[in-house]
Structures are given as structure tokens and as C-alpha cells.
Amino acid sequence: QVQLVESGGGLVQAGGSLRLSCAASGSRFNIDAMGWYRQAPGKQRELVLSITSGGSTNYADSVKDRFTISRDNAKNTVYLQMNRLKFEDTAVYYCNAKKFTGISFLDYWGQGTQVTVSS
């Protein structure tokens, strides 16, 4: 089992910045990709940014050039730096970790942290 603990959400004005952190604990061996997803009211959960243990990233076009992701492999912690926030970035942000079981990948999720951007 992998436990993910998020921190850093809150209320910010449009144009501002926030930094989210997610620390993995428990069975951290073989964690590959870690990243962030978000879910706005009435919408499906979507990928924001993810990063593999090797440093490859995958991101949503809507956050390109505004959000960056970094990872401390030694601490199994991933960070999401969000700059130039927009009202439409308002959502619950969920940390995700993908653990390789030897056959397939298992998804683990944090409890979510609210990000609210006021216009």
C-alpha cells in the first residue's frame, strides 16, 4: 500500500501562484510516475501534470507554460508549482502515484486538496 499526503491548496486571486506538495509513504518501492490530477464540479477528473522516476513529464495543454512539476525521488515527494492561475484552474487537486506490481500498474490517490482561484 502507498499513502499519499497532499498539502498546499487554498484560495488565491487570479494571476497568483500556489505550490502543492505530495509525499508518498508506505510501500514506496517501484513507484514509477507521480503526478497531479484535478476535478472541477460537474467535470471528469483530468491529468494536470505527471513525472516519471526518470524525469519524463506529461501535461495538459491548458497548463503549459504556467505549471511545472518536480520530484524528489529520495523523498518520494512531488511538487506542483502553479503560476498565473486562472479562474478555470479551480478544482480539487489529487495526487497520484503509479506503482509497478511486476505485471501492471496500480493507481494510488491522495485525499485531494482544494484550489480556488478568485476572478
C-alpha atoms as a PDB file:
ATOM      1  CA  GLN A   1       0.000   0.000   0.000  1.00  0.00           C
ATOM      2  CA  VAL A   2       1.041   3.546  -0.718  1.00  0.00           C
ATOM      3  CA  GLN A   3      -0.238   6.527   1.219  1.00  0.00           C
ATOM      4  CA  LEU A   4      -0.193   9.962  -0.366  1.00  0.00           C
ATOM      5  CA  VAL A   5      -0.438  13.119   1.709  1.00  0.00           C
ATOM      6  CA  GLU A   6      -1.061  16.402  -0.075  1.00  0.00           C
ATOM      7  CA  SER A   7      -0.605  19.935   1.131  1.00  0.00           C
ATOM      8  CA  GLY A   8      -0.573  23.462  -0.221  1.00  0.00           C
ATOM      9  CA  GLY A   9      -4.044  24.119  -1.582  1.00  0.00           C
ATOM     10  CA  GLY A  10      -6.031  27.233  -0.803  1.00  0.00           C
ATOM     11  CA  LEU A  11      -7.590  30.404  -2.114  1.00  0.00           C
ATOM     12  CA  VAL A  12      -5.676  32.690  -4.447  1.00  0.00           C
ATOM     13  CA  GLN A  13      -6.510  35.555  -6.755  1.00  0.00           C
ATOM     14  CA  ALA A  14      -6.276  35.130 -10.489  1.00  0.00           C
ATOM     15  CA  GLY A  15      -2.716  35.676 -11.631  1.00  0.00           C
ATOM     16  CA  GLY A  16      -1.298  34.403  -8.368  1.00  0.00           C
ATOM     17  CA  SER A  17       0.694  31.301  -7.525  1.00  0.00           C
ATOM     18  CA  LEU A  18       0.388  28.219  -5.353  1.00  0.00           C
ATOM     19  CA  ARG A  19       2.616  25.257  -4.701  1.00  0.00           C
ATOM     20  CA  LEU A  20       1.247  21.805  -3.961  1.00  0.00           C
ATOM     21  CA  SER A  21       3.249  19.027  -2.354  1.00  0.00           C
ATOM     22  CA  CYS A  22       2.584  15.326  -2.180  1.00  0.00           C
ATOM     23  CA  ALA A  23       4.591  12.908  -0.075  1.00  0.00           C
ATOM     24  CA  ALA A  24       4.360   9.167  -0.560  1.00  0.00           C
ATOM     25  CA  SER A  25       4.793   6.761   2.320  1.00  0.00           C
ATOM     26  CA  GLY A  26       4.296   3.079   2.898  1.00  0.00           C
ATOM     27  CA  SER A  27       5.380   0.656   0.206  1.00  0.00           C
ATOM     28  CA  ARG A  28       7.221   3.161  -1.967  1.00  0.00           C
ATOM     29  CA  PHE A  29       9.306   0.621  -3.845  1.00  0.00           C
ATOM     30  CA  ASN A  30       8.602   0.529  -7.592  1.00  0.00           C
ATOM     31  CA  ILE A  31       6.667   3.784  -7.692  1.00  0.00           C
ATOM     32  CA  ASP A  32       7.030   4.972 -11.277  1.00  0.00           C
ATOM     33  CA  ALA A  33       5.020   8.022 -12.276  1.00  0.00           C
ATOM     34  CA  MET A  34       3.735  10.531  -9.768  1.00  0.00           C
ATOM     35  CA  GLY A  35       1.570  13.430 -10.653  1.00  0.00           C
ATOM     36  CA  TRP A  36      -1.472  15.573 -10.207  1.00  0.00           C
ATOM     37  CA  TYR A  37      -4.993  15.316 -11.489  1.00  0.00           C
ATOM     38  CA  ARG A  38      -7.850  17.701 -10.894  1.00  0.00           C
ATOM     39  CA  GLN A  39     -11.598  17.578 -10.853  1.00  0.00           C
ATOM     40  CA  ALA A  40     -13.831  20.608 -11.142  1.00  0.00           C
ATOM     41  CA  PRO A  41     -17.519  20.466 -10.172  1.00  0.00           C
ATOM     42  CA  GLY A  42     -19.518  18.623 -12.803  1.00  0.00           C
ATOM     43  CA  LYS A  43     -16.440  17.579 -14.741  1.00  0.00           C
ATOM     44  CA  GLN A  44     -14.360  14.452 -15.045  1.00  0.00           C
ATOM     45  CA  ARG A  45     -11.026  14.090 -13.350  1.00  0.00           C
ATOM     46  CA  GLU A  46      -8.252  15.100 -15.705  1.00  0.00           C
ATOM     47  CA  LEU A  47      -4.483  14.903 -15.792  1.00  0.00           C
ATOM     48  CA  VAL A  48      -2.647  18.099 -14.923  1.00  0.00           C
ATOM     49  CA  LEU A  49       0.982  17.049 -14.889  1.00  0.00           C
ATOM     50  CA  SER A  50       2.879  13.860 -14.185  1.00  0.00           C
ATOM     51  CA  ILE A  51       6.515  12.919 -13.976  1.00  0.00           C
ATOM     52  CA  THR A  52       8.193   9.530 -14.115  1.00  0.00           C
ATOM     53  CA  SER A  53      11.051   8.427 -11.918  1.00  0.00           C
ATOM     54  CA  GLY A  54      13.301   9.132 -14.905  1.00  0.00           C
ATOM     55  CA  GLY A  55      12.061  12.693 -15.226  1.00  0.00           C
ATOM     56  CA  SER A  56       9.761  12.439 -18.251  1.00  0.00           C
ATOM     57  CA  THR A  57       6.708  14.658 -17.981  1.00  0.00           C
ATOM     58  CA  ASN A  58       3.197  14.571 -19.340  1.00  0.00           C
ATOM     59  CA  TYR A  59       0.904  17.574 -19.074  1.00  0.00           C
ATOM     60  CA  ALA A  60      -2.402  19.063 -20.059  1.00  0.00           C
ATOM     61  CA  ASP A  61      -2.206  21.749 -22.744  1.00  0.00           C
ATOM     62  CA  SER A  62      -4.208  24.094 -20.535  1.00  0.00           C
ATOM     63  CA  VAL A  63      -1.366  24.340 -18.003  1.00  0.00           C
ATOM     64  CA  LYS A  64       1.566  24.510 -20.382  1.00  0.00           C
ATOM     65  CA  ASP A  65       3.994  27.324 -19.562  1.00  0.00           C
ATOM     66  CA  ARG A  66       2.136  28.032 -16.290  1.00  0.00           C
ATOM     67  CA  PHE A  67       2.523  24.910 -14.167  1.00  0.00           C
ATOM     68  CA  THR A  68       5.664  22.916 -13.519  1.00  0.00           C
ATOM     69  CA  ILE A  69       6.223  19.623 -11.764  1.00  0.00           C
ATOM     70  CA  SER A  70       9.272  18.430  -9.904  1.00  0.00           C
ATOM     71  CA  ARG A  71      10.101  15.326  -7.977  1.00  0.00           C
ATOM     72  CA  ASP A  72      12.453  14.356  -5.202  1.00  0.00           C
ATOM     73  CA  ASN A  73      12.950  10.640  -5.748  1.00  0.00           C
ATOM     74  CA  ALA A  74      14.839  10.197  -2.490  1.00  0.00           C
ATOM     75  CA  LYS A  75      11.854  11.544  -0.571  1.00  0.00           C
ATOM     76  CA  ASN A  76       9.204  10.211  -2.952  1.00  0.00           C
ATOM     77  CA  THR A  77       7.728  13.674  -2.974  1.00  0.00           C
ATOM     78  CA  VAL A  78       6.296  15.504  -5.937  1.00  0.00           C
ATOM     79  CA  TYR A  79       5.652  19.223  -6.195  1.00  0.00           C
ATOM     80  CA  LEU A  80       3.329  21.186  -8.443  1.00  0.00           C
ATOM     81  CA  GLN A  81       4.201  24.842  -8.911  1.00  0.00           C
ATOM     82  CA  MET A  82       1.221  26.706 -10.295  1.00  0.00           C
ATOM     83  CA  ASN A  83       1.790  30.201 -11.659  1.00  0.00           C
ATOM     84  CA  ARG A  84      -0.519  32.666 -13.393  1.00  0.00           C
ATOM     85  CA  LEU A  85      -3.524  30.868 -12.020  1.00  0.00           C
ATOM     86  CA  LYS A  86      -6.837  31.300 -13.774  1.00  0.00           C
ATOM     87  CA  PHE A  87     -10.387  31.003 -12.538  1.00  0.00           C
ATOM     88  CA  GLU A  88     -10.771  27.822 -14.585  1.00  0.00           C
ATOM     89  CA  ASP A  89      -7.959  26.193 -12.583  1.00  0.00           C
ATOM     90  CA  THR A  90     -10.361  25.994  -9.653  1.00  0.00           C
ATOM     91  CA  ALA A  91     -10.751  22.330  -8.738  1.00  0.00           C
ATOM     92  CA  VAL A  92      -9.884  19.647  -6.250  1.00  0.00           C
ATOM     93  CA  TYR A  93      -6.346  18.531  -7.000  1.00  0.00           C
ATOM     94  CA  TYR A  94      -5.450  14.905  -6.401  1.00  0.00           C
ATOM     95  CA  CYS A  95      -2.004  13.433  -6.108  1.00  0.00           C
ATOM     96  CA  ASN A  96      -1.488  10.183  -7.977  1.00  0.00           C
ATOM     97  CA  ALA A  97       1.191   7.518  -7.831  1.00  0.00           C
ATOM     98  CA  LYS A  98       1.549   4.584 -10.187  1.00  0.00           C
ATOM     99  CA  LYS A  99       3.212   1.551  -8.688  1.00  0.00           C
ATOM    100  CA  PHE A 100       4.509  -1.248 -10.850  1.00  0.00           C
ATOM    101  CA  THR A 101       3.487  -4.627  -9.480  1.00  0.00           C
ATOM    102  CA  GLY A 102       5.601  -6.679 -11.855  1.00  0.00           C
ATOM    103  CA  ILE A 103       2.633  -7.266 -14.122  1.00  0.00           C
ATOM    104  CA  SER A 104       0.741  -3.999 -14.288  1.00  0.00           C
ATOM    105  CA  PHE A 105       0.452  -0.586 -12.661  1.00  0.00           C
ATOM    106  CA  LEU A 106      -1.693   0.204  -9.643  1.00  0.00           C
ATOM    107  CA  ASP A 107      -3.035   3.702  -9.068  1.00  0.00           C
ATOM    108  CA  TYR A 108      -2.941   5.292  -5.646  1.00  0.00           C
ATOM    109  CA  TRP A 109      -4.664   8.576  -4.807  1.00  0.00           C
ATOM    110  CA  GLY A 110      -4.393  11.248  -2.193  1.00  0.00           C
ATOM    111  CA  GLN A 111      -7.408  12.673  -0.429  1.00  0.00           C
ATOM    112  CA  GLY A 112      -7.439  15.793  -2.583  1.00  0.00           C
ATOM    113  CA  THR A 113      -6.754  19.435  -1.853  1.00  0.00           C
ATOM    114  CA  GLN A 114      -8.977  22.317  -2.894  1.00  0.00           C
ATOM    115  CA  VAL A 115      -7.568  25.060  -5.091  1.00  0.00           C
ATOM    116  CA  THR A 116      -9.851  28.039  -5.541  1.00  0.00           C
ATOM    117  CA  VAL A 117      -8.943  30.892  -7.855  1.00  0.00           C
ATOM    118  CA  SER A 118     -10.982  34.049  -7.486  1.00  0.00           C
ATOM    119  CA  SER A 119     -11.521  36.157 -10.550  1.00  0.00           C
END
